[in-house]
């Protein structure tokens, strides 16, 4: 597996535990919005600890960007990434991923599961395709919502926020269930994009399948 040593150009905290990291883009390196790569920290004790992260930049940008949830409750890769800054370096590898844009539909994301959708939705905005999409974004609290203002500015994207441990005006409180989906889904969508923690994804797929959504309309990381 080919690896590339890339220097960190800029870091920014988007929420209390989500960090945006921009790095150099190797010559000829390309990806499709929604795809990911394995990333390792370029330090002796971490180089073999590869973790998958999705690109949240656009392929046309001169740099690469990752949006990473930092878990400080154990001494792992993301905790160390949380301490990195400009000038430090990462190792990135080959591009992979099953999530890509198939056409208009409904995006359902849980927490950091929004990351494969960030690049896709940004690309649609860049192309000004006119495709109308719905984003259902579930988080624990309002403070956990990533890029809230950016999504709201997307005129071709309807955004519905779901909070499981918090209440805020115009946001649904509770989990995404059959009743909630029935109340917000615009009839029968052509495509359903799903990403989040393993159990979240399984639960949403089960709800959609029970609703009668055909397997070919489901887009998720298998």
C-alpha atoms as a PDB file:
ATOM      1  CA  UNK A   1       0.000   0.000   0.000  1.00  0.00           C
ATOM      2  CA  UNK A   2       1.473   3.301  -1.103  1.00  0.00           C
ATOM      3  CA  UNK A   3       1.817   5.975   1.562  1.00  0.00           C
ATOM      4  CA  UNK A   4       2.319   9.742   1.383  1.00  0.00           C
ATOM      5  CA  UNK A   5       3.865  11.901   4.064  1.00  0.00           C
ATOM      6  CA  UNK A   6       1.789  15.096   4.227  1.00  0.00           C
ATOM      7  CA  UNK A   7       2.422  18.139   6.393  1.00  0.00           C
ATOM      8  CA  UNK A   8      -0.410  19.707   8.370  1.00  0.00           C
ATOM      9  CA  UNK A   9      -1.170  23.181   7.027  1.00  0.00           C
ATOM     10  CA  UNK A  10      -3.923  24.265   9.416  1.00  0.00           C
ATOM     11  CA  UNK A  11      -6.081  22.948  12.247  1.00  0.00           C
ATOM     12  CA  UNK A  12      -9.370  24.245  13.618  1.00  0.00           C
ATOM     13  CA  UNK A  13     -11.781  23.033  16.283  1.00  0.00           C
ATOM     14  CA  UNK A  14     -15.327  22.925  14.860  1.00  0.00           C
ATOM     15  CA  UNK A  15     -16.895  21.716  18.122  1.00  0.00           C
ATOM     16  CA  UNK A  16     -15.558  20.749  21.538  1.00  0.00           C
ATOM     17  CA  UNK A  17     -14.499  17.338  20.188  1.00  0.00           C
ATOM     18  CA  UNK A  18     -14.341  17.635  16.379  1.00  0.00           C
ATOM     19  CA  UNK A  19     -11.185  18.910  14.744  1.00  0.00           C
ATOM     20  CA  UNK A  20     -10.737  20.030  11.143  1.00  0.00           C
ATOM     21  CA  UNK A  21      -7.281  19.303   9.725  1.00  0.00           C
ATOM     22  CA  UNK A  22      -5.951  20.538   6.394  1.00  0.00           C
ATOM     23  CA  UNK A  23      -2.864  18.862   4.941  1.00  0.00           C
ATOM     24  CA  UNK A  24      -0.753  18.966   1.808  1.00  0.00           C
ATOM     25  CA  UNK A  25      -2.122  17.226  -1.264  1.00  0.00           C
ATOM     26  CA  UNK A  26       0.340  14.857  -2.984  1.00  0.00           C
ATOM     27  CA  UNK A  27       0.799  15.403  -6.746  1.00  0.00           C
ATOM     28  CA  UNK A  28      -1.705  13.351  -8.719  1.00  0.00           C
ATOM     29  CA  UNK A  29      -3.677  12.343  -5.640  1.00  0.00           C
ATOM     30  CA  UNK A  30      -7.430  12.308  -6.294  1.00  0.00           C
ATOM     31  CA  UNK A  31     -10.667  11.027  -4.818  1.00  0.00           C
ATOM     32  CA  UNK A  32     -14.429  11.057  -5.332  1.00  0.00           C
ATOM     33  CA  UNK A  33     -16.528  12.964  -2.755  1.00  0.00           C
ATOM     34  CA  UNK A  34     -17.575  10.480  -0.083  1.00  0.00           C
ATOM     35  CA  UNK A  35     -14.377   8.431  -0.254  1.00  0.00           C
ATOM     36  CA  UNK A  36     -11.801   7.943   2.503  1.00  0.00           C
ATOM     37  CA  UNK A  37      -8.231   6.846   3.151  1.00  0.00           C
ATOM     38  CA  UNK A  38      -6.321   5.278   5.999  1.00  0.00           C
ATOM     39  CA  UNK A  39      -4.420   7.837   8.052  1.00  0.00           C
ATOM     40  CA  UNK A  40      -1.546   7.388  10.483  1.00  0.00           C
ATOM     41  CA  UNK A  41       0.419   9.869  12.574  1.00  0.00           C
ATOM     42  CA  UNK A  42       3.973  10.211  11.291  1.00  0.00           C
ATOM     43  CA  UNK A  43       5.619   9.459  14.619  1.00  0.00           C
ATOM     44  CA  UNK A  44       7.562   6.297  15.482  1.00  0.00           C
ATOM     45  CA  UNK A  45       5.068   4.925  17.999  1.00  0.00           C
ATOM     46  CA  UNK A  46       2.039   5.688  15.779  1.00  0.00           C
ATOM     47  CA  UNK A  47       3.003   4.941  12.138  1.00  0.00           C
ATOM     48  CA  UNK A  48       1.417   1.489  12.161  1.00  0.00           C
ATOM     49  CA  UNK A  49      -1.813   2.674  13.803  1.00  0.00           C
ATOM     50  CA  UNK A  50      -3.882   3.399  10.675  1.00  0.00           C
ATOM     51  CA  UNK A  51      -7.447   4.666  10.955  1.00  0.00           C
ATOM     52  CA  UNK A  52     -10.014   5.402   8.197  1.00  0.00           C
ATOM     53  CA  UNK A  53     -11.012   9.028   7.725  1.00  0.00           C
ATOM     54  CA  UNK A  54     -13.162  10.589   5.020  1.00  0.00           C
ATOM     55  CA  UNK A  55     -12.026  13.519   2.903  1.00  0.00           C
ATOM     56  CA  UNK A  56     -14.182  16.556   3.612  1.00  0.00           C
ATOM     57  CA  UNK A  57     -12.416  18.752   1.065  1.00  0.00           C
ATOM     58  CA  UNK A  58     -13.216  18.849  -2.640  1.00  0.00           C
ATOM     59  CA  UNK A  59     -10.958  17.134  -5.143  1.00  0.00           C
ATOM     60  CA  UNK A  60     -10.437  20.502  -6.859  1.00  0.00           C
ATOM     61  CA  UNK A  61      -8.933  22.077  -3.742  1.00  0.00           C
ATOM     62  CA  UNK A  62      -5.123  22.434  -3.541  1.00  0.00           C
ATOM     63  CA  UNK A  63      -5.088  20.726  -0.131  1.00  0.00           C
ATOM     64  CA  UNK A  64      -6.797  17.782   1.591  1.00  0.00           C
ATOM     65  CA  UNK A  65      -9.083  18.162   4.581  1.00  0.00           C
ATOM     66  CA  UNK A  66     -10.262  15.750   7.270  1.00  0.00           C
ATOM     67  CA  UNK A  67     -12.910  16.395   9.902  1.00  0.00           C
ATOM     68  CA  UNK A  68     -12.164  14.106  12.837  1.00  0.00           C
ATOM     69  CA  UNK A  69     -13.989  13.363  16.055  1.00  0.00           C
ATOM     70  CA  UNK A  70     -11.501  13.301  18.929  1.00  0.00           C
ATOM     71  CA  UNK A  71     -11.977  10.699  21.664  1.00  0.00           C
ATOM     72  CA  UNK A  72     -10.107  11.857  24.765  1.00  0.00           C
ATOM     73  CA  UNK A  73     -11.433   9.120  27.029  1.00  0.00           C
ATOM     74  CA  UNK A  74      -8.656   6.712  26.017  1.00  0.00           C
ATOM     75  CA  UNK A  75      -5.071   7.041  24.814  1.00  0.00           C
ATOM     76  CA  UNK A  76      -5.740   6.319  21.136  1.00  0.00           C
ATOM     77  CA  UNK A  77      -5.055   7.713  17.690  1.00  0.00           C
ATOM     78  CA  UNK A  78      -7.655  10.466  17.725  1.00  0.00           C
ATOM     79  CA  UNK A  79      -6.563  11.715  21.139  1.00  0.00           C
ATOM     80  CA  UNK A  80      -3.050  12.137  19.742  1.00  0.00           C
ATOM     81  CA  UNK A  81      -4.404  13.762  16.565  1.00  0.00           C
ATOM     82  CA  UNK A  82      -6.167  16.251  18.806  1.00  0.00           C
ATOM     83  CA  UNK A  83      -2.774  17.518  19.963  1.00  0.00           C
ATOM     84  CA  UNK A  84      -1.265  17.930  16.481  1.00  0.00           C
ATOM     85  CA  UNK A  85      -0.808  21.347  14.908  1.00  0.00           C
ATOM     86  CA  UNK A  86       0.615  23.121  11.873  1.00  0.00           C
ATOM     87  CA  UNK A  87       3.945  21.599  10.822  1.00  0.00           C
ATOM     88  CA  UNK A  88       3.255  18.113  12.166  1.00  0.00           C
ATOM     89  CA  UNK A  89       2.696  15.388   9.585  1.00  0.00           C
ATOM     90  CA  UNK A  90       0.403  12.492   8.780  1.00  0.00           C
ATOM     91  CA  UNK A  91       0.734   9.462   6.517  1.00  0.00           C
ATOM     92  CA  UNK A  92      -2.127   8.896   4.077  1.00  0.00           C
ATOM     93  CA  UNK A  93      -2.663   5.861   1.879  1.00  0.00           C
ATOM     94  CA  UNK A  94      -4.825   4.613  -0.989  1.00  0.00           C
ATOM     95  CA  UNK A  95      -8.330   5.958  -1.578  1.00  0.00           C
ATOM     96  CA  UNK A  96     -11.380   3.754  -0.977  1.00  0.00           C
ATOM     97  CA  UNK A  97     -15.065   3.960  -0.100  1.00  0.00           C
ATOM     98  CA  UNK A  98     -18.525   2.860  -1.188  1.00  0.00           C
ATOM     99  CA  UNK A  99     -20.419   6.081  -0.488  1.00  0.00           C
ATOM    100  CA  UNK A 100     -20.777   8.354  -3.513  1.00  0.00           C
ATOM    101  CA  UNK A 101     -23.498  10.560  -4.941  1.00  0.00           C
ATOM    102  CA  UNK A 102     -26.030   8.648  -7.031  1.00  0.00           C
ATOM    103  CA  UNK A 103     -28.613  11.389  -7.392  1.00  0.00           C
ATOM    104  CA  UNK A 104     -31.092  13.416  -5.307  1.00  0.00           C
ATOM    105  CA  UNK A 105     -32.433  11.893  -2.127  1.00  0.00           C
ATOM    106  CA  UNK A 106     -32.249  11.829   1.639  1.00  0.00           C
ATOM    107  CA  UNK A 107     -29.021  11.931   3.656  1.00  0.00           C
ATOM    108  CA  UNK A 108     -29.334  10.493   7.178  1.00  0.00           C
ATOM    109  CA  UNK A 109     -26.284  11.010   9.397  1.00  0.00           C
ATOM    110  CA  UNK A 110     -25.477  10.254  13.015  1.00  0.00           C
ATOM    111  CA  UNK A 111     -22.783  12.392  14.645  1.00  0.00           C
ATOM    112  CA  UNK A 112     -19.417  12.123  12.911  1.00  0.00           C
ATOM    113  CA  UNK A 113     -21.154   9.981  10.301  1.00  0.00           C
ATOM    114  CA  UNK A 114     -21.825  13.276   8.525  1.00  0.00           C
ATOM    115  CA  UNK A 115     -18.227  13.342   7.246  1.00  0.00           C
ATOM    116  CA  UNK A 116     -18.720  11.371   3.979  1.00  0.00           C
ATOM    117  CA  UNK A 117     -21.616  13.686   3.155  1.00  0.00           C
ATOM    118  CA  UNK A 118     -19.695  16.939   3.703  1.00  0.00           C
ATOM    119  CA  UNK A 119     -17.646  16.627   0.517  1.00  0.00           C
ATOM    120  CA  UNK A 120     -20.649  15.393  -1.482  1.00  0.00           C
ATOM    121  CA  UNK A 121     -22.850  18.314  -0.415  1.00  0.00           C
ATOM    122  CA  UNK A 122     -20.027  20.798  -0.963  1.00  0.00           C
ATOM    123  CA  UNK A 123     -19.488  19.420  -4.469  1.00  0.00           C
ATOM    124  CA  UNK A 124     -23.170  19.793  -5.287  1.00  0.00           C
ATOM    125  CA  UNK A 125     -23.016  23.390  -4.106  1.00  0.00           C
ATOM    126  CA  UNK A 126     -19.922  24.018  -6.221  1.00  0.00           C
ATOM    127  CA  UNK A 127     -21.563  22.571  -9.320  1.00  0.00           C
ATOM    128  CA  UNK A 128     -24.850  24.397  -8.645  1.00  0.00           C
ATOM    129  CA  UNK A 129     -26.582  21.262  -9.899  1.00  0.00           C
ATOM    130  CA  UNK A 130     -30.008  22.293  -8.670  1.00  0.00           C
ATOM    131  CA  UNK A 131     -30.558  18.856  -7.111  1.00  0.00           C
ATOM    132  CA  UNK A 132     -32.821  19.101  -4.075  1.00  0.00           C
ATOM    133  CA  UNK A 133     -31.751  16.959  -1.112  1.00  0.00           C
ATOM    134  CA  UNK A 134     -32.874  16.455   2.476  1.00  0.00           C
ATOM    135  CA  UNK A 135     -30.366  16.082   5.322  1.00  0.00           C
ATOM    136  CA  UNK A 136     -31.511  14.497   8.590  1.00  0.00           C
ATOM    137  CA  UNK A 137     -28.671  15.029  11.064  1.00  0.00           C
ATOM    138  CA  UNK A 138     -28.792  13.376  14.497  1.00  0.00           C
ATOM    139  CA  UNK A 139     -26.569  14.517  17.374  1.00  0.00           C
ATOM    140  CA  UNK A 140     -26.577  14.282  21.157  1.00  0.00           C
ATOM    141  CA  UNK A 141     -26.783  18.043  21.739  1.00  0.00           C
ATOM    142  CA  UNK A 142     -26.877  21.261  19.754  1.00  0.00           C
ATOM    143  CA  UNK A 143     -23.218  21.857  20.594  1.00  0.00           C
ATOM    144  CA  UNK A 144     -22.290  18.667  18.748  1.00  0.00           C
ATOM    145  CA  UNK A 145     -23.610  19.817  15.354  1.00  0.00           C
ATOM    146  CA  UNK A 146     -20.810  20.085  12.782  1.00  0.00           C
ATOM    147  CA  UNK A 147     -20.898  22.868  10.142  1.00  0.00           C
ATOM    148  CA  UNK A 148     -24.433  23.890  11.046  1.00  0.00           C
ATOM    149  CA  UNK A 149     -24.223  27.317   9.396  1.00  0.00           C
ATOM    150  CA  UNK A 150     -22.665  25.944   6.208  1.00  0.00           C
ATOM    151  CA  UNK A 151     -25.480  23.455   5.688  1.00  0.00           C
ATOM    152  CA  UNK A 152     -28.129  26.092   6.352  1.00  0.00           C
ATOM    153  CA  UNK A 153     -26.651  28.311   3.619  1.00  0.00           C
ATOM    154  CA  UNK A 154     -27.069  25.556   1.023  1.00  0.00           C
ATOM    155  CA  UNK A 155     -30.255  26.663  -0.771  1.00  0.00           C
ATOM    156  CA  UNK A 156     -30.797  23.253  -2.368  1.00  0.00           C
ATOM    157  CA  UNK A 157     -30.543  21.398   0.940  1.00  0.00           C
ATOM    158  CA  UNK A 158     -33.356  21.067   3.463  1.00  0.00           C
ATOM    159  CA  UNK A 159     -31.893  20.362   6.910  1.00  0.00           C
ATOM    160  CA  UNK A 160     -33.657  18.614   9.790  1.00  0.00           C
ATOM    161  CA  UNK A 161     -31.789  18.374  13.099  1.00  0.00           C
ATOM    162  CA  UNK A 162     -32.481  15.626  15.628  1.00  0.00           C
ATOM    163  CA  UNK A 163     -31.137  15.865  19.195  1.00  0.00           C
ATOM    164  CA  UNK A 164     -31.156  12.839  21.496  1.00  0.00           C
ATOM    165  CA  UNK A 165     -30.015  14.508  24.741  1.00  0.00           C
ATOM    166  CA  UNK A 166     -30.994  18.135  24.278  1.00  0.00           C
ATOM    167  CA  UNK A 167     -33.900  20.348  23.308  1.00  0.00           C
ATOM    168  CA  UNK A 168     -33.654  23.362  21.044  1.00  0.00           C
ATOM    169  CA  UNK A 169     -36.249  25.309  19.054  1.00  0.00           C
ATOM    170  CA  UNK A 170     -37.145  23.801  15.656  1.00  0.00           C
ATOM    171  CA  UNK A 171     -35.142  20.642  16.369  1.00  0.00           C
ATOM    172  CA  UNK A 172     -36.679  17.225  16.989  1.00  0.00           C
ATOM    173  CA  UNK A 173     -35.944  15.738  20.402  1.00  0.00           C
ATOM    174  CA  UNK A 174     -35.542  11.965  20.491  1.00  0.00           C
ATOM    175  CA  UNK A 175     -34.258   9.248  18.223  1.00  0.00           C
ATOM    176  CA  UNK A 176     -35.006   8.747  14.570  1.00  0.00           C
ATOM    177  CA  UNK A 177     -37.840   6.224  14.467  1.00  0.00           C
ATOM    178  CA  UNK A 178     -40.528   5.133  12.016  1.00  0.00           C
ATOM    179  CA  UNK A 179     -42.925   7.836  13.176  1.00  0.00           C
ATOM    180  CA  UNK A 180     -40.367  10.609  12.728  1.00  0.00           C
ATOM    181  CA  UNK A 181     -39.323   9.384   9.281  1.00  0.00           C
ATOM    182  CA  UNK A 182     -42.962   9.257   8.198  1.00  0.00           C
ATOM    183  CA  UNK A 183     -43.403  12.874   9.271  1.00  0.00           C
ATOM    184  CA  UNK A 184     -40.389  14.287   7.406  1.00  0.00           C
ATOM    185  CA  UNK A 185     -39.662  12.112   4.385  1.00  0.00           C
ATOM    186  CA  UNK A 186     -40.835  13.658   1.103  1.00  0.00           C
ATOM    187  CA  UNK A 187     -42.771  10.663  -0.194  1.00  0.00           C
ATOM    188  CA  UNK A 188     -40.568   8.091  -1.872  1.00  0.00           C
ATOM    189  CA  UNK A 189     -36.999   9.344  -2.378  1.00  0.00           C
ATOM    190  CA  UNK A 190     -34.821   7.999  -5.186  1.00  0.00           C
ATOM    191  CA  UNK A 191     -31.833   7.460  -2.913  1.00  0.00           C
ATOM    192  CA  UNK A 192     -31.192   7.126   0.815  1.00  0.00           C
ATOM    193  CA  UNK A 193     -27.656   7.827   2.034  1.00  0.00           C
ATOM    194  CA  UNK A 194     -26.929   6.535   5.543  1.00  0.00           C
ATOM    195  CA  UNK A 195     -23.817   6.904   7.695  1.00  0.00           C
ATOM    196  CA  UNK A 196     -23.095   6.925  11.422  1.00  0.00           C
ATOM    197  CA  UNK A 197     -22.041   4.608  14.242  1.00  0.00           C
ATOM    198  CA  UNK A 198     -22.539   0.924  13.428  1.00  0.00           C
ATOM    199  CA  UNK A 199     -25.732   0.506  15.464  1.00  0.00           C
ATOM    200  CA  UNK A 200     -27.187   3.791  14.173  1.00  0.00           C
ATOM    201  CA  UNK A 201     -26.632   2.694  10.574  1.00  0.00           C
ATOM    202  CA  UNK A 202     -28.133  -0.741  11.211  1.00  0.00           C
ATOM    203  CA  UNK A 203     -31.197   0.777  12.891  1.00  0.00           C
ATOM    204  CA  UNK A 204     -31.814   3.304  10.109  1.00  0.00           C
ATOM    205  CA  UNK A 205     -31.389   0.700   7.368  1.00  0.00           C
ATOM    206  CA  UNK A 206     -33.857  -1.564   9.180  1.00  0.00           C
ATOM    207  CA  UNK A 207     -36.394   1.287   9.389  1.00  0.00           C
ATOM    208  CA  UNK A 208     -36.028   2.073   5.693  1.00  0.00           C
ATOM    209  CA  UNK A 209     -36.284  -1.554   4.667  1.00  0.00           C
ATOM    210  CA  UNK A 210     -39.413  -1.928   6.800  1.00  0.00           C
ATOM    211  CA  UNK A 211     -40.766   1.143   5.041  1.00  0.00           C
ATOM    212  CA  UNK A 212     -40.350  -0.723   1.766  1.00  0.00           C
ATOM    213  CA  UNK A 213     -37.260   1.026   0.435  1.00  0.00           C
ATOM    214  CA  UNK A 214     -35.525  -1.223  -2.093  1.00  0.00           C
ATOM    215  CA  UNK A 215     -31.910  -2.227  -1.512  1.00  0.00           C
ATOM    216  CA  UNK A 216     -30.720  -0.530  -4.694  1.00  0.00           C
ATOM    217  CA  UNK A 217     -31.897   2.820  -3.289  1.00  0.00           C
ATOM    218  CA  UNK A 218     -29.705   2.480  -0.179  1.00  0.00           C
ATOM    219  CA  UNK A 219     -26.204   3.974  -0.189  1.00  0.00           C
ATOM    220  CA  UNK A 220     -23.990   3.132   2.774  1.00  0.00           C
ATOM    221  CA  UNK A 221     -20.550   1.787   3.682  1.00  0.00           C
ATOM    222  CA  UNK A 222     -20.832  -1.992   3.517  1.00  0.00           C
END
